[in-house]
N, C-alpha and C. Protein backbone atom coordinates (compact mmCIF):
# COMPACT_ATOMS: atom_id res chain seq x y z
N MET A 1 6.48 -0.79 16.78
CA MET A 1 4.93 -0.06 16.70
C MET A 1 5.37 0.01 14.83
N LEU A 2 4.44 -0.26 13.92
CA LEU A 2 4.96 -0.39 12.80
C LEU A 2 3.39 -0.56 12.34
N ILE A 3 3.26 0.18 11.43
CA ILE A 3 2.18 0.27 10.46
C ILE A 3 2.14 0.00 8.89
N ILE A 4 1.56 -1.18 8.11
CA ILE A 4 1.83 -1.07 6.67
C ILE A 4 0.59 -0.76 6.23
N VAL A 5 0.20 0.42 5.31
CA VAL A 5 -0.71 0.48 5.27
C VAL A 5 -0.95 0.82 2.89
N GLY A 6 -2.16 -0.53 2.88
CA GLY A 6 -2.31 -0.18 1.86
C GLY A 6 -3.48 0.30 1.17
N LEU A 7 -3.31 1.35 -0.21
CA LEU A 7 -3.87 1.93 -1.01
C LEU A 7 -5.05 1.52 -1.49
N GLY A 8 -6.35 1.64 -1.30
CA GLY A 8 -7.04 1.16 -2.36
C GLY A 8 -9.03 1.90 -2.22
N ASN A 9 -9.25 1.12 -2.82
CA ASN A 9 -10.78 2.11 -2.76
C ASN A 9 -12.11 0.77 -2.54
N PRO A 10 -12.43 0.81 -0.85
CA PRO A 10 -13.43 -0.21 -0.80
C PRO A 10 -14.83 -0.78 -1.35
N GLY A 11 -15.36 -1.82 -1.60
CA GLY A 11 -15.95 -2.26 -1.99
C GLY A 11 -15.77 -2.95 -3.66
N ALA A 12 -16.96 -3.62 -3.40
CA ALA A 12 -16.87 -5.33 -4.93
C ALA A 12 -16.68 -4.26 -6.09
N GLU A 13 -16.92 -3.07 -6.92
CA GLU A 13 -16.90 -2.80 -8.22
C GLU A 13 -15.37 -2.28 -8.19
N TYR A 14 -14.55 -2.17 -7.10
CA TYR A 14 -13.23 -1.36 -7.10
C TYR A 14 -12.03 -2.80 -6.62
N ALA A 15 -12.33 -3.89 -6.51
CA ALA A 15 -11.74 -5.07 -6.11
C ALA A 15 -10.48 -5.45 -6.85
N ARG A 16 -10.81 -5.37 -8.37
CA ARG A 16 -9.85 -5.85 -8.99
C ARG A 16 -8.97 -4.60 -10.56
N THR A 17 -9.19 -3.26 -9.95
CA THR A 17 -8.40 -2.45 -10.64
C THR A 17 -7.24 -2.01 -10.35
N PHE A 18 -6.94 -1.40 -10.59
CA PHE A 18 -5.35 -0.84 -10.77
C PHE A 18 -5.13 -0.13 -9.13
N HIS A 19 -6.19 0.78 -8.96
CA HIS A 19 -5.82 1.54 -7.66
C HIS A 19 -5.82 0.97 -7.04
N ASN A 20 -6.01 -0.49 -6.49
CA ASN A 20 -6.22 -1.55 -5.47
C ASN A 20 -5.08 -2.16 -5.40
N ALA A 21 -3.82 -1.96 -5.91
CA ALA A 21 -3.08 -2.17 -5.89
C ALA A 21 -2.53 -2.68 -4.31
N GLY A 22 -2.62 -1.19 -3.47
CA GLY A 22 -2.27 -1.22 -2.51
C GLY A 22 -2.33 -2.37 -1.64
N PHE A 23 -4.06 -2.33 -1.77
CA PHE A 23 -5.23 -3.56 -1.14
C PHE A 23 -4.39 -4.88 -1.80
N LEU A 24 -4.54 -5.31 -2.53
CA LEU A 24 -3.57 -6.51 -3.69
C LEU A 24 -2.86 -6.88 -2.46
N THR A 25 -1.54 -5.88 -2.27
CA THR A 25 -0.47 -6.13 -1.25
C THR A 25 -0.68 -6.26 -0.40
N ALA A 26 -1.87 -5.51 0.56
CA ALA A 26 -1.68 -5.93 2.14
C ALA A 26 -2.22 -7.15 2.50
N ASP A 27 -2.75 -8.00 1.30
CA ASP A 27 -3.50 -9.19 1.51
C ASP A 27 -3.14 -10.30 0.77
N ALA A 28 -1.64 -10.12 0.52
CA ALA A 28 -0.88 -10.58 0.07
C ALA A 28 0.23 -11.42 1.24
N LEU A 29 0.67 -10.02 1.70
CA LEU A 29 1.38 -9.62 3.24
C LEU A 29 0.64 -10.57 3.77
N ALA A 30 -0.17 -10.22 4.23
CA ALA A 30 -1.84 -11.20 5.00
C ALA A 30 -1.63 -12.44 4.81
N ALA A 31 -1.66 -12.94 3.64
CA ALA A 31 -1.65 -14.84 3.84
C ALA A 31 -0.30 -15.15 4.66
N LYS A 32 0.94 -14.12 3.19
CA LYS A 32 2.33 -15.47 4.21
C LYS A 32 2.76 -15.08 5.66
N LEU A 33 1.67 -14.01 6.14
CA LEU A 33 2.12 -13.54 7.50
C LEU A 33 0.37 -14.65 8.03
N ASP A 34 -0.25 -15.23 7.81
CA ASP A 34 -1.03 -15.93 8.22
C ASP A 34 -1.43 -14.76 9.78
N VAL A 35 -2.61 -13.78 9.18
CA VAL A 35 -3.18 -12.36 9.84
C VAL A 35 -4.44 -12.23 8.79
N ASN A 36 -5.52 -11.73 9.31
CA ASN A 36 -6.51 -11.69 9.34
C ASN A 36 -6.59 -10.39 9.44
N ILE A 37 -6.62 -9.83 8.32
CA ILE A 37 -7.37 -8.46 8.00
C ILE A 37 -8.89 -7.99 8.57
N LYS A 38 -8.82 -7.74 9.35
CA LYS A 38 -10.81 -7.55 9.36
C LYS A 38 -11.38 -6.73 10.44
N ASP A 39 -10.47 -6.34 11.31
CA ASP A 39 -10.88 -5.34 12.27
C ASP A 39 -11.28 -4.20 11.83
N LYS A 40 -12.52 -3.44 12.25
CA LYS A 40 -12.61 -2.08 12.18
C LYS A 40 -12.48 -0.88 13.26
N GLU A 41 -10.93 0.16 12.61
CA GLU A 41 -11.20 0.56 13.59
C GLU A 41 -10.53 1.72 12.75
N CYS A 42 -10.67 3.30 12.97
CA CYS A 42 -9.87 4.12 12.91
C CYS A 42 -10.31 4.33 10.88
N ARG A 43 -11.79 4.07 10.74
CA ARG A 43 -11.77 3.89 9.13
C ARG A 43 -11.29 3.28 7.82
N SER A 44 -10.58 2.02 8.97
CA SER A 44 -9.81 0.66 7.94
C SER A 44 -10.57 -0.09 8.59
N LEU A 45 -9.99 -1.12 7.81
CA LEU A 45 -9.64 -2.89 8.19
C LEU A 45 -8.54 -2.98 8.54
N THR A 46 -8.14 -3.53 9.96
CA THR A 46 -7.06 -3.62 9.83
C THR A 46 -6.74 -5.51 10.58
N GLY A 47 -5.41 -5.29 10.49
CA GLY A 47 -5.38 -6.74 11.35
C GLY A 47 -3.80 -6.35 12.25
N LYS A 48 -3.63 -7.25 13.38
CA LYS A 48 -2.33 -7.24 13.65
C LYS A 48 -1.41 -7.91 14.36
N PHE A 49 -0.31 -8.04 14.45
CA PHE A 49 0.23 -9.25 14.90
C PHE A 49 2.00 -8.29 16.08
N PHE A 50 2.09 -9.15 16.90
CA PHE A 50 3.52 -8.67 17.53
C PHE A 50 5.02 -9.34 16.65
N TYR A 51 5.82 -9.15 16.48
CA TYR A 51 7.39 -9.80 15.93
C TYR A 51 8.13 -9.22 16.52
N ASN A 52 9.00 -10.34 17.80
CA ASN A 52 10.01 -9.78 18.17
C ASN A 52 9.54 -8.33 19.18
N GLY A 53 8.30 -8.96 20.02
CA GLY A 53 7.62 -8.42 20.68
C GLY A 53 7.64 -6.43 19.96
N GLU A 54 7.07 -6.11 18.91
CA GLU A 54 7.06 -5.46 18.40
C GLU A 54 5.82 -5.28 17.68
N LYS A 55 4.66 -3.93 18.11
CA LYS A 55 3.53 -4.20 17.66
C LYS A 55 3.26 -4.10 15.69
N VAL A 56 2.71 -4.61 14.73
CA VAL A 56 2.51 -4.61 13.76
C VAL A 56 1.06 -4.62 13.05
N VAL A 57 0.75 -3.30 12.59
CA VAL A 57 -0.48 -2.95 11.77
C VAL A 57 -0.41 -3.12 10.49
N LEU A 58 -1.14 -3.85 10.23
CA LEU A 58 -1.80 -4.10 8.27
C LEU A 58 -3.15 -2.89 8.29
N ALA A 59 -2.88 -2.64 7.60
CA ALA A 59 -4.35 -0.94 7.48
C ALA A 59 -4.66 -1.07 5.93
N LYS A 60 -5.68 -1.31 5.45
CA LYS A 60 -6.88 -1.10 4.39
C LYS A 60 -7.96 -0.02 4.62
N PRO A 61 -7.30 1.57 4.59
CA PRO A 61 -8.54 2.69 4.74
C PRO A 61 -9.63 2.37 3.78
N GLN A 62 -10.77 3.05 4.38
CA GLN A 62 -11.92 2.69 3.91
C GLN A 62 -12.35 3.32 3.97
N THR A 63 -11.48 5.09 3.37
CA THR A 63 -12.62 6.37 3.23
C THR A 63 -12.10 6.69 1.93
N PHE A 64 -11.76 5.61 0.74
CA PHE A 64 -11.90 5.68 -0.55
C PHE A 64 -10.70 6.65 -0.72
N MET A 65 -10.12 6.41 -1.81
CA MET A 65 -8.47 6.65 -2.22
C MET A 65 -7.98 8.33 -1.25
N ASN A 66 -9.04 9.10 -2.03
CA ASN A 66 -8.36 10.65 -1.57
C ASN A 66 -8.46 11.28 -0.28
N LEU A 67 -9.10 10.02 0.67
CA LEU A 67 -8.62 10.68 2.09
C LEU A 67 -8.32 9.34 2.67
N SER A 68 -7.21 9.19 2.04
CA SER A 68 -6.76 7.99 2.65
C SER A 68 -5.49 8.55 4.00
N GLY A 69 -5.28 9.57 3.59
CA GLY A 69 -4.58 10.54 5.13
C GLY A 69 -6.02 10.66 5.95
N ASP A 70 -6.55 10.60 6.06
CA ASP A 70 -8.07 10.69 7.13
C ASP A 70 -7.39 9.47 8.20
N ALA A 71 -7.44 8.28 7.53
CA ALA A 71 -7.41 6.94 7.98
C ALA A 71 -6.47 6.65 8.44
N LEU A 72 -5.37 6.84 7.99
CA LEU A 72 -3.72 6.86 8.31
C LEU A 72 -3.51 7.73 9.75
N ARG A 73 -4.25 8.78 9.38
CA ARG A 73 -3.62 9.93 10.69
C ARG A 73 -4.38 8.98 11.89
N GLU A 74 -5.54 9.05 12.13
CA GLU A 74 -6.24 8.12 13.09
C GLU A 74 -5.34 7.02 13.87
N LEU A 75 -4.86 6.61 12.75
CA LEU A 75 -4.58 4.97 13.54
C LEU A 75 -2.78 5.57 13.69
N MET A 76 -2.13 6.66 13.05
CA MET A 76 -1.26 6.81 13.77
C MET A 76 -1.64 7.52 14.77
N GLY A 77 -2.13 8.16 15.66
CA GLY A 77 -3.03 9.10 16.76
C GLY A 77 -3.15 7.48 17.67
N LYS A 78 -3.68 6.56 17.20
CA LYS A 78 -4.33 5.29 18.17
C LYS A 78 -3.39 4.90 18.40
N TYR A 79 -2.30 4.81 17.82
CA TYR A 79 -1.18 3.86 18.28
C TYR A 79 -0.04 4.12 18.40
N GLY A 80 0.57 6.14 18.30
CA GLY A 80 1.32 6.32 18.63
C GLY A 80 2.60 6.44 17.96
N ALA A 81 2.27 6.33 16.70
CA ALA A 81 3.56 6.12 15.64
C ALA A 81 3.67 7.62 14.56
N GLU A 82 4.89 7.80 14.24
CA GLU A 82 5.40 8.60 13.68
C GLU A 82 5.52 8.11 12.53
N GLU A 83 5.86 9.28 11.22
CA GLU A 83 6.09 9.35 9.52
C GLU A 83 6.99 7.74 9.63
N SER A 84 7.99 7.13 10.63
CA SER A 84 9.40 6.79 9.99
C SER A 84 8.62 5.04 10.46
N GLN A 85 7.60 5.32 11.12
CA GLN A 85 7.11 3.85 11.49
C GLN A 85 5.93 3.54 10.75
N ILE A 86 5.80 3.91 9.30
CA ILE A 86 4.66 3.99 8.41
C ILE A 86 5.60 3.24 6.87
N VAL A 87 4.46 2.13 6.82
CA VAL A 87 4.95 2.20 4.86
C VAL A 87 3.19 2.49 4.34
N ALA A 88 3.96 2.92 3.10
CA ALA A 88 2.53 3.40 2.44
C ALA A 88 2.82 2.37 1.18
N VAL A 89 1.87 1.87 0.73
CA VAL A 89 2.01 0.93 -0.36
C VAL A 89 0.57 1.13 -1.73
N TYR A 90 0.48 1.99 -2.79
CA TYR A 90 -0.10 1.76 -3.66
C TYR A 90 0.51 1.90 -4.66
N ASP A 91 -0.65 2.08 -6.11
CA ASP A 91 -0.56 1.79 -7.46
C ASP A 91 0.64 3.57 -7.59
N ASP A 92 1.42 2.84 -9.20
CA ASP A 92 1.55 4.19 -9.52
C ASP A 92 1.59 4.17 -11.43
N VAL A 93 1.05 5.09 -11.53
CA VAL A 93 0.63 4.74 -13.03
C VAL A 93 2.02 5.28 -13.90
N ASP A 94 2.75 5.83 -13.03
CA ASP A 94 4.12 6.21 -13.66
C ASP A 94 5.75 5.37 -13.97
N ILE A 95 5.26 4.35 -12.92
CA ILE A 95 5.93 3.29 -13.38
C ILE A 95 5.61 2.05 -14.04
N PRO A 96 6.37 1.24 -15.40
CA PRO A 96 5.75 -0.19 -16.30
C PRO A 96 5.23 -0.86 -14.96
N LEU A 97 3.67 -1.14 -15.63
CA LEU A 97 3.21 -2.80 -14.91
C LEU A 97 4.75 -3.75 -14.64
N GLY A 98 4.08 -4.01 -13.37
CA GLY A 98 5.11 -5.36 -13.21
C GLY A 98 6.84 -4.93 -12.15
N THR A 99 6.55 -3.43 -12.12
CA THR A 99 7.46 -2.78 -11.17
C THR A 99 7.39 -2.39 -9.69
N ILE A 100 8.25 -2.57 -8.80
CA ILE A 100 7.57 -1.42 -7.81
C ILE A 100 9.30 -0.93 -7.49
N ARG A 101 8.37 0.10 -7.10
CA ARG A 101 9.78 0.86 -6.39
C ARG A 101 9.73 1.41 -5.35
N ILE A 102 10.48 1.39 -4.08
CA ILE A 102 10.85 1.67 -2.83
C ILE A 102 11.41 2.53 -2.63
N ARG A 103 10.86 3.81 -1.43
CA ARG A 103 11.45 5.24 -1.37
C ARG A 103 11.32 5.49 0.29
N LYS A 104 12.13 5.56 0.70
CA LYS A 104 12.39 6.37 2.01
C LYS A 104 11.04 7.81 2.17
N ASP A 105 10.69 7.85 0.81
CA ASP A 105 10.38 9.72 1.04
C ASP A 105 9.87 9.89 -0.73
N GLY A 106 9.70 11.34 -0.77
CA GLY A 106 9.11 11.82 -2.33
C GLY A 106 8.17 12.14 -2.37
N SER A 107 7.65 12.61 -3.45
CA SER A 107 6.52 12.85 -3.48
C SER A 107 5.46 12.81 -4.20
N ALA A 108 4.34 13.02 -4.09
CA ALA A 108 3.25 12.18 -4.23
C ALA A 108 2.73 12.35 -5.73
N GLY A 109 3.66 12.57 -6.97
CA GLY A 109 3.84 12.76 -8.39
C GLY A 109 1.78 13.23 -8.71
N THR A 110 1.22 11.76 -8.91
CA THR A 110 0.46 12.26 -9.65
C THR A 110 -0.69 11.37 -8.54
N HIS A 111 -0.38 10.96 -7.69
CA HIS A 111 -1.24 9.55 -6.82
C HIS A 111 -2.52 10.43 -5.60
N ASN A 112 -3.10 11.25 -6.06
CA ASN A 112 -3.94 11.72 -4.82
C ASN A 112 -3.92 10.63 -3.90
N GLY A 113 -4.36 10.13 -3.94
CA GLY A 113 -4.56 9.48 -2.28
C GLY A 113 -2.48 9.12 -1.14
N MET A 114 -1.98 9.49 -2.02
CA MET A 114 -0.63 10.06 -1.44
C MET A 114 -0.21 11.14 -1.45
N ARG A 115 -0.76 11.78 -2.17
CA ARG A 115 -0.74 13.51 -1.57
C ARG A 115 -1.82 13.62 -0.53
N ASP A 116 -3.18 12.71 -0.48
CA ASP A 116 -3.69 13.15 1.01
C ASP A 116 -2.93 12.56 2.33
N ILE A 117 -2.06 11.66 1.92
CA ILE A 117 -1.33 11.40 3.17
C ILE A 117 -0.32 12.10 3.75
N ILE A 118 0.29 12.87 2.83
CA ILE A 118 1.51 13.44 2.85
C ILE A 118 1.06 14.78 3.18
N LEU A 119 -0.63 15.49 3.44
CA LEU A 119 -1.24 16.40 3.92
C LEU A 119 -1.21 16.67 5.26
N LYS A 120 -1.66 15.03 5.55
CA LYS A 120 -2.53 14.58 6.51
C LYS A 120 -1.14 14.09 7.84
N ALA A 121 -0.38 13.12 6.62
CA ALA A 121 0.16 12.47 7.99
C ALA A 121 1.64 12.06 7.79
N GLY A 122 2.05 12.93 6.16
CA GLY A 122 3.97 13.65 6.41
C GLY A 122 4.42 12.86 5.26
N TYR A 123 5.23 12.99 5.39
CA TYR A 123 6.17 11.90 4.08
C TYR A 123 6.82 10.50 4.99
N VAL A 124 5.93 9.54 4.40
CA VAL A 124 5.94 8.41 4.89
C VAL A 124 6.86 7.40 4.05
N PRO A 125 7.77 6.43 4.35
CA PRO A 125 8.50 5.36 3.17
C PRO A 125 7.36 5.15 2.54
N ARG A 126 7.86 4.35 1.69
CA ARG A 126 6.79 4.01 0.48
C ARG A 126 7.18 3.06 -0.34
N ILE A 127 6.21 2.38 -1.11
CA ILE A 127 6.26 1.14 -1.95
C ILE A 127 5.03 1.13 -2.95
N ARG A 128 5.77 1.45 -4.35
CA ARG A 128 5.20 2.43 -4.93
C ARG A 128 5.04 1.12 -5.99
N ILE A 129 3.97 0.49 -6.84
CA ILE A 129 3.38 -0.76 -7.95
C ILE A 129 3.27 -0.44 -8.45
N GLY A 130 4.19 -0.85 -9.54
CA GLY A 130 4.17 -0.13 -10.99
C GLY A 130 2.43 -0.62 -11.61
N ILE A 131 1.44 0.16 -12.79
CA ILE A 131 0.68 -0.02 -12.61
C ILE A 131 0.49 0.53 -14.73
N LYS A 132 1.77 1.31 -14.78
CA LYS A 132 1.84 2.38 -16.36
C LYS A 132 1.83 1.05 -17.72
N LYS A 133 1.07 1.47 -17.95
CA LYS A 133 0.47 0.59 -19.45
C LYS A 133 0.21 1.90 -20.53
N GLU A 134 0.36 1.73 -21.88
CA GLU A 134 0.37 2.85 -22.88
C GLU A 134 -1.17 2.85 -23.27
N SER A 135 -2.05 4.05 -22.82
CA SER A 135 -3.35 3.68 -23.10
C SER A 135 -3.94 5.17 -22.97
N ALA A 136 -5.40 5.09 -24.47
CA ALA A 136 -5.78 6.75 -24.35
C ALA A 136 -6.33 6.79 -23.74
N VAL A 137 -7.07 5.76 -22.49
CA VAL A 137 -8.08 6.17 -21.44
C VAL A 137 -7.42 7.49 -20.44
N PRO A 138 -8.14 8.54 -20.15
CA PRO A 138 -8.18 8.98 -19.44
C PRO A 138 -8.22 8.51 -17.49
N LEU A 139 -6.67 9.30 -16.95
CA LEU A 139 -6.28 8.54 -15.93
C LEU A 139 -6.85 7.99 -15.24
N ARG A 140 -7.97 9.20 -14.24
CA ARG A 140 -9.08 8.68 -13.28
C ARG A 140 -10.04 6.95 -13.70
N ASP A 141 -10.47 7.00 -15.15
CA ASP A 141 -11.27 6.27 -15.96
C ASP A 141 -10.24 4.94 -16.25
N PHE A 142 -8.64 5.46 -16.26
CA PHE A 142 -7.81 3.54 -16.54
C PHE A 142 -7.64 3.37 -15.00
N VAL A 143 -6.83 4.10 -13.78
CA VAL A 143 -6.83 3.36 -12.35
C VAL A 143 -7.96 2.72 -11.87
N LEU A 144 -9.05 3.50 -12.15
CA LEU A 144 -10.50 2.68 -11.75
C LEU A 144 -11.18 1.41 -12.62
N SER A 145 -10.36 1.34 -13.98
CA SER A 145 -10.91 -0.02 -14.61
C SER A 145 -10.15 -1.31 -13.76
N ARG A 146 -11.82 -1.85 -14.48
CA ARG A 146 -11.07 -3.85 -14.68
C ARG A 146 -9.67 -4.14 -14.94
N VAL A 147 -8.78 -4.98 -14.33
CA VAL A 147 -8.05 -5.49 -14.49
C VAL A 147 -8.26 -6.80 -15.50
N SER A 148 -7.59 -6.58 -16.60
CA SER A 148 -7.48 -7.48 -17.39
C SER A 148 -7.11 -9.32 -17.00
N ASP A 149 -7.29 -10.35 -17.53
CA ASP A 149 -6.60 -11.66 -16.71
C ASP A 149 -5.41 -11.48 -17.19
N ALA A 150 -4.57 -11.41 -18.07
CA ALA A 150 -3.60 -11.17 -18.21
C ALA A 150 -2.41 -10.43 -17.52
N ASP A 151 -2.95 -9.05 -17.48
CA ASP A 151 -2.53 -8.48 -16.82
C ASP A 151 -2.52 -8.57 -14.99
N ILE A 152 -3.70 -8.97 -14.87
CA ILE A 152 -3.92 -9.17 -13.53
C ILE A 152 -2.63 -10.43 -12.59
N LYS A 153 -2.57 -11.28 -13.84
CA LYS A 153 -1.29 -12.16 -13.52
C LYS A 153 0.57 -11.30 -12.77
N ILE A 154 0.12 -9.99 -14.24
CA ILE A 154 1.42 -9.95 -14.10
C ILE A 154 1.41 -8.80 -12.86
N LEU A 155 0.44 -7.68 -12.36
CA LEU A 155 -0.07 -7.43 -11.48
C LEU A 155 0.50 -8.09 -9.99
N SER A 156 -0.18 -9.73 -9.95
CA SER A 156 -0.07 -10.24 -8.89
C SER A 156 1.63 -10.97 -8.42
N GLU A 157 2.45 -11.53 -10.12
CA GLU A 157 3.56 -11.01 -9.56
C GLU A 157 4.20 -9.81 -8.52
N SER A 158 4.03 -8.11 -9.08
CA SER A 158 4.57 -7.50 -8.42
C SER A 158 4.13 -7.28 -7.19
N THR A 159 2.84 -7.34 -6.75
CA THR A 159 2.34 -7.13 -5.31
C THR A 159 2.75 -8.01 -4.46
N ASP A 160 2.96 -9.34 -4.95
CA ASP A 160 3.37 -10.83 -3.97
C ASP A 160 5.67 -10.38 -3.61
N ARG A 161 5.90 -9.73 -4.77
CA ARG A 161 7.06 -9.14 -4.67
C ARG A 161 7.27 -8.65 -3.51
N ALA A 162 6.01 -6.90 -3.68
CA ALA A 162 6.57 -6.26 -2.45
C ALA A 162 5.68 -6.54 -1.58
N ALA A 163 4.73 -7.69 -1.05
CA ALA A 163 4.98 -8.28 0.08
C ALA A 163 6.11 -8.86 0.54
N ASP A 164 6.61 -9.24 -0.37
CA ASP A 164 7.95 -10.54 0.18
C ASP A 164 8.78 -9.31 0.29
N ALA A 165 8.81 -7.87 0.43
CA ALA A 165 9.83 -6.83 0.45
C ALA A 165 9.65 -6.65 1.98
N LEU A 166 8.40 -6.62 2.05
CA LEU A 166 7.48 -6.06 3.17
C LEU A 166 7.92 -6.67 4.40
N LYS A 167 7.62 -8.51 4.42
CA LYS A 167 7.71 -9.13 5.40
C LYS A 167 9.17 -9.06 6.03
N ASP A 168 9.88 -8.59 4.50
CA ASP A 168 11.76 -8.50 4.33
C ASP A 168 11.86 -7.20 5.73
N TYR A 169 11.64 -6.18 5.69
CA TYR A 169 11.22 -5.20 6.61
C TYR A 169 10.83 -5.67 8.14
N ILE A 170 9.56 -6.15 8.10
CA ILE A 170 8.97 -6.55 9.23
C ILE A 170 10.58 -7.22 10.09
N ILE A 171 10.67 -8.13 9.50
CA ILE A 171 11.87 -9.15 9.88
C ILE A 171 13.37 -8.11 9.89
N ASN A 172 13.80 -7.71 9.67
CA ASN A 172 14.73 -7.14 9.48
C ASN A 172 14.97 -5.60 10.07
N ARG A 173 13.78 -5.30 9.60
CA ARG A 173 13.88 -3.26 9.94
C ARG A 173 14.70 -2.94 9.20
N ASP A 174 14.86 -2.59 8.54
CA ASP A 174 16.31 -2.42 7.31
C ASP A 174 15.91 -1.46 6.32
N PHE A 175 15.31 -0.40 6.23
CA PHE A 175 14.71 0.18 4.72
C PHE A 175 15.41 -0.40 3.76
N GLU A 176 16.90 0.59 3.93
CA GLU A 176 17.97 0.97 3.13
C GLU A 176 18.30 -0.88 2.24
N LYS A 177 18.21 -2.13 3.38
CA LYS A 177 18.45 -3.44 2.46
C LYS A 177 17.16 -4.09 1.34
N ILE A 178 15.85 -3.75 1.90
CA ILE A 178 14.99 -3.26 0.86
C ILE A 178 14.65 -2.95 -0.41
N MET A 179 15.16 -1.38 0.16
CA MET A 179 15.46 -0.39 -0.98
C MET A 179 16.61 -1.44 -2.59
N ARG A 180 17.87 -2.14 -2.13
CA ARG A 180 18.31 -2.46 -2.53
C ARG A 180 18.31 -4.05 -2.96
N GLU A 181 17.42 -4.19 -2.06
CA GLU A 181 17.39 -5.90 -2.83
C GLU A 181 16.40 -5.70 -3.67
N TYR A 182 14.80 -5.28 -3.76
CA TYR A 182 13.90 -5.27 -4.61
C TYR A 182 13.44 -4.06 -5.39
N ASN A 183 14.20 -3.23 -5.14
CA ASN A 183 13.95 -2.02 -6.16
C ASN A 183 14.42 -2.75 -7.54
């Protein structure tokens, strides 16, 4: 069992914001695997498939970012998944735009969605998508701002790289390997 949860905010008004980097990664991975993320369950949109007999669930919580832990906790309960069987993917304002960081655990930093996941679901492995730019805009406004055409290209490259790392993880189930190869 593996649940990959991409964090973001539901709704068209958030679709092209920095805070939806997790959703973008989940969509990129779904495209690579030819999986549709359209089922509604546990306050999430999900897509499911089997790889080598193991169920894999791709999820995009629809609870809004700050309550991501609620949706993930429900998914974990439904599928009997433990912390080690989860990978969370989300934006990180402390990492430069265009980079990714893969870790087995750690703090939530300034990310409220990850803070909620740690509180309600535990310390899960994660992939952080860098969105840091020099900006005088307050953090909340920045992460919810529309990504420019120039920046969406950079962000898409990093979400695609994160999707490649996740695909590699699904195939090899070696988190240390993807940390070495994709960090």
